[in-house]
Amino acid sequence: EVKDTAQDLGMQTVDGQSLHAYSFTAKGTPVTLYLGADSLPVESVTKSSRGTVTVKYSKYNQPIDIEAQ
């Protein structure tokens, strides 16, 4: 399903950063993924009937810290 629904959204500005955006559907749920110049994820946005989940990625190869906001 992901391969069939993948779309290149081109360059977009997110939080002042120029990022390459892609959208796809995973198990019926739409996802937008933003990649930095190094091709690593910077942010993903997943939307469902229960709400929107935004995950910001940073500090690669560092210990993970997860907190609800």
C-alpha atoms as a PDB file:
ATOM      1  CA  GLU A   1       0.000   0.000   0.000  1.00  0.00           C
ATOM      2  CA  VAL A   2       2.784   2.459   0.883  1.00  0.00           C
ATOM      3  CA  LYS A   3       4.486   2.066  -2.496  1.00  0.00           C
ATOM      4  CA  ASP A   4       1.199   2.512  -4.359  1.00  0.00           C
ATOM      5  CA  THR A   5       0.256   5.713  -2.512  1.00  0.00           C
ATOM      6  CA  ALA A   6       3.658   7.435  -2.223  1.00  0.00           C
ATOM      7  CA  GLN A   7       3.837  10.977  -3.596  1.00  0.00           C
ATOM      8  CA  ASP A   8       6.729  13.426  -3.797  1.00  0.00           C
ATOM      9  CA  LEU A   9       5.411  16.751  -2.472  1.00  0.00           C
ATOM     10  CA  GLY A  10       8.628  18.637  -3.251  1.00  0.00           C
ATOM     11  CA  MET A  11      10.346  21.163  -1.016  1.00  0.00           C
ATOM     12  CA  GLN A  12       8.349  22.709   1.835  1.00  0.00           C
ATOM     13  CA  THR A  13       9.217  24.991   4.724  1.00  0.00           C
ATOM     14  CA  VAL A  14       8.592  23.569   8.201  1.00  0.00           C
ATOM     15  CA  ASP A  15       9.606  25.557  11.296  1.00  0.00           C
ATOM     16  CA  GLY A  16      11.856  27.718   9.110  1.00  0.00           C
ATOM     17  CA  GLN A  17      13.638  24.718   7.560  1.00  0.00           C
ATOM     18  CA  SER A  18      13.494  23.807   3.891  1.00  0.00           C
ATOM     19  CA  LEU A  19      12.590  20.092   3.858  1.00  0.00           C
ATOM     20  CA  HIS A  20      11.678  17.556   1.186  1.00  0.00           C
ATOM     21  CA  ALA A  21       8.156  16.257   1.813  1.00  0.00           C
ATOM     22  CA  TYR A  22       6.640  12.909   0.884  1.00  0.00           C
ATOM     23  CA  SER A  23       3.156  11.575   1.579  1.00  0.00           C
ATOM     24  CA  PHE A  24       1.915   7.997   1.685  1.00  0.00           C
ATOM     25  CA  THR A  25      -0.783   5.863   3.252  1.00  0.00           C
ATOM     26  CA  ALA A  26       0.098   3.101   5.718  1.00  0.00           C
ATOM     27  CA  LYS A  27      -2.707   0.735   6.758  1.00  0.00           C
ATOM     28  CA  GLY A  28      -5.272   3.313   5.615  1.00  0.00           C
ATOM     29  CA  THR A  29      -3.683   6.155   7.576  1.00  0.00           C
ATOM     30  CA  PRO A  30      -2.206   9.169   5.739  1.00  0.00           C
ATOM     31  CA  VAL A  31       1.366  10.107   6.660  1.00  0.00           C
ATOM     32  CA  THR A  32       3.523  13.062   5.603  1.00  0.00           C
ATOM     33  CA  LEU A  33       7.276  12.628   6.058  1.00  0.00           C
ATOM     34  CA  TYR A  34       9.739  15.530   5.917  1.00  0.00           C
ATOM     35  CA  LEU A  35      13.409  14.829   5.167  1.00  0.00           C
ATOM     36  CA  GLY A  36      16.394  17.117   5.700  1.00  0.00           C
ATOM     37  CA  ALA A  37      19.270  17.752   3.286  1.00  0.00           C
ATOM     38  CA  ASP A  38      21.015  14.657   4.721  1.00  0.00           C
ATOM     39  CA  SER A  39      17.967  12.515   3.732  1.00  0.00           C
ATOM     40  CA  LEU A  40      17.228  11.753   7.393  1.00  0.00           C
ATOM     41  CA  PRO A  41      13.685  12.287   8.744  1.00  0.00           C
ATOM     42  CA  VAL A  42      13.091  15.600  10.501  1.00  0.00           C
ATOM     43  CA  GLU A  43       9.344  15.281  11.115  1.00  0.00           C
ATOM     44  CA  SER A  44       6.423  12.969  10.389  1.00  0.00           C
ATOM     45  CA  VAL A  45       2.744  13.825  10.635  1.00  0.00           C
ATOM     46  CA  THR A  46       0.173  11.037  10.879  1.00  0.00           C
ATOM     47  CA  LYS A  47      -3.538  11.868  10.721  1.00  0.00           C
ATOM     48  CA  SER A  48      -6.327   9.536  11.796  1.00  0.00           C
ATOM     49  CA  SER A  49      -9.905   9.781  13.002  1.00  0.00           C
ATOM     50  CA  ARG A  50      -8.514   9.930  16.559  1.00  0.00           C
ATOM     51  CA  GLY A  51      -6.315  12.965  15.886  1.00  0.00           C
ATOM     52  CA  THR A  52      -2.929  13.986  14.563  1.00  0.00           C
ATOM     53  CA  VAL A  53       0.424  12.690  15.768  1.00  0.00           C
ATOM     54  CA  THR A  54       3.534  14.742  14.982  1.00  0.00           C
ATOM     55  CA  VAL A  55       6.933  13.171  15.613  1.00  0.00           C
ATOM     56  CA  LYS A  56      10.062  15.323  15.445  1.00  0.00           C
ATOM     57  CA  TYR A  57      13.372  13.571  14.855  1.00  0.00           C
ATOM     58  CA  SER A  58      16.719  14.986  15.979  1.00  0.00           C
ATOM     59  CA  LYS A  59      19.950  14.117  17.743  1.00  0.00           C
ATOM     60  CA  TYR A  60      20.563  10.942  15.790  1.00  0.00           C
ATOM     61  CA  ASN A  61      22.653   8.305  17.635  1.00  0.00           C
ATOM     62  CA  GLN A  62      21.763   9.831  21.016  1.00  0.00           C
ATOM     63  CA  PRO A  63      19.720   8.247  23.858  1.00  0.00           C
ATOM     64  CA  ILE A  64      15.927   8.466  23.322  1.00  0.00           C
ATOM     65  CA  ASP A  65      13.734  10.710  25.483  1.00  0.00           C
ATOM     66  CA  ILE A  66       9.956  10.519  24.959  1.00  0.00           C
ATOM     67  CA  GLU A  67       7.477  12.835  26.645  1.00  0.00           C
ATOM     68  CA  ALA A  68       3.813  13.694  26.068  1.00  0.00           C
ATOM     69  CA  GLN A  69       2.886  17.307  25.397  1.00  0.00           C
END
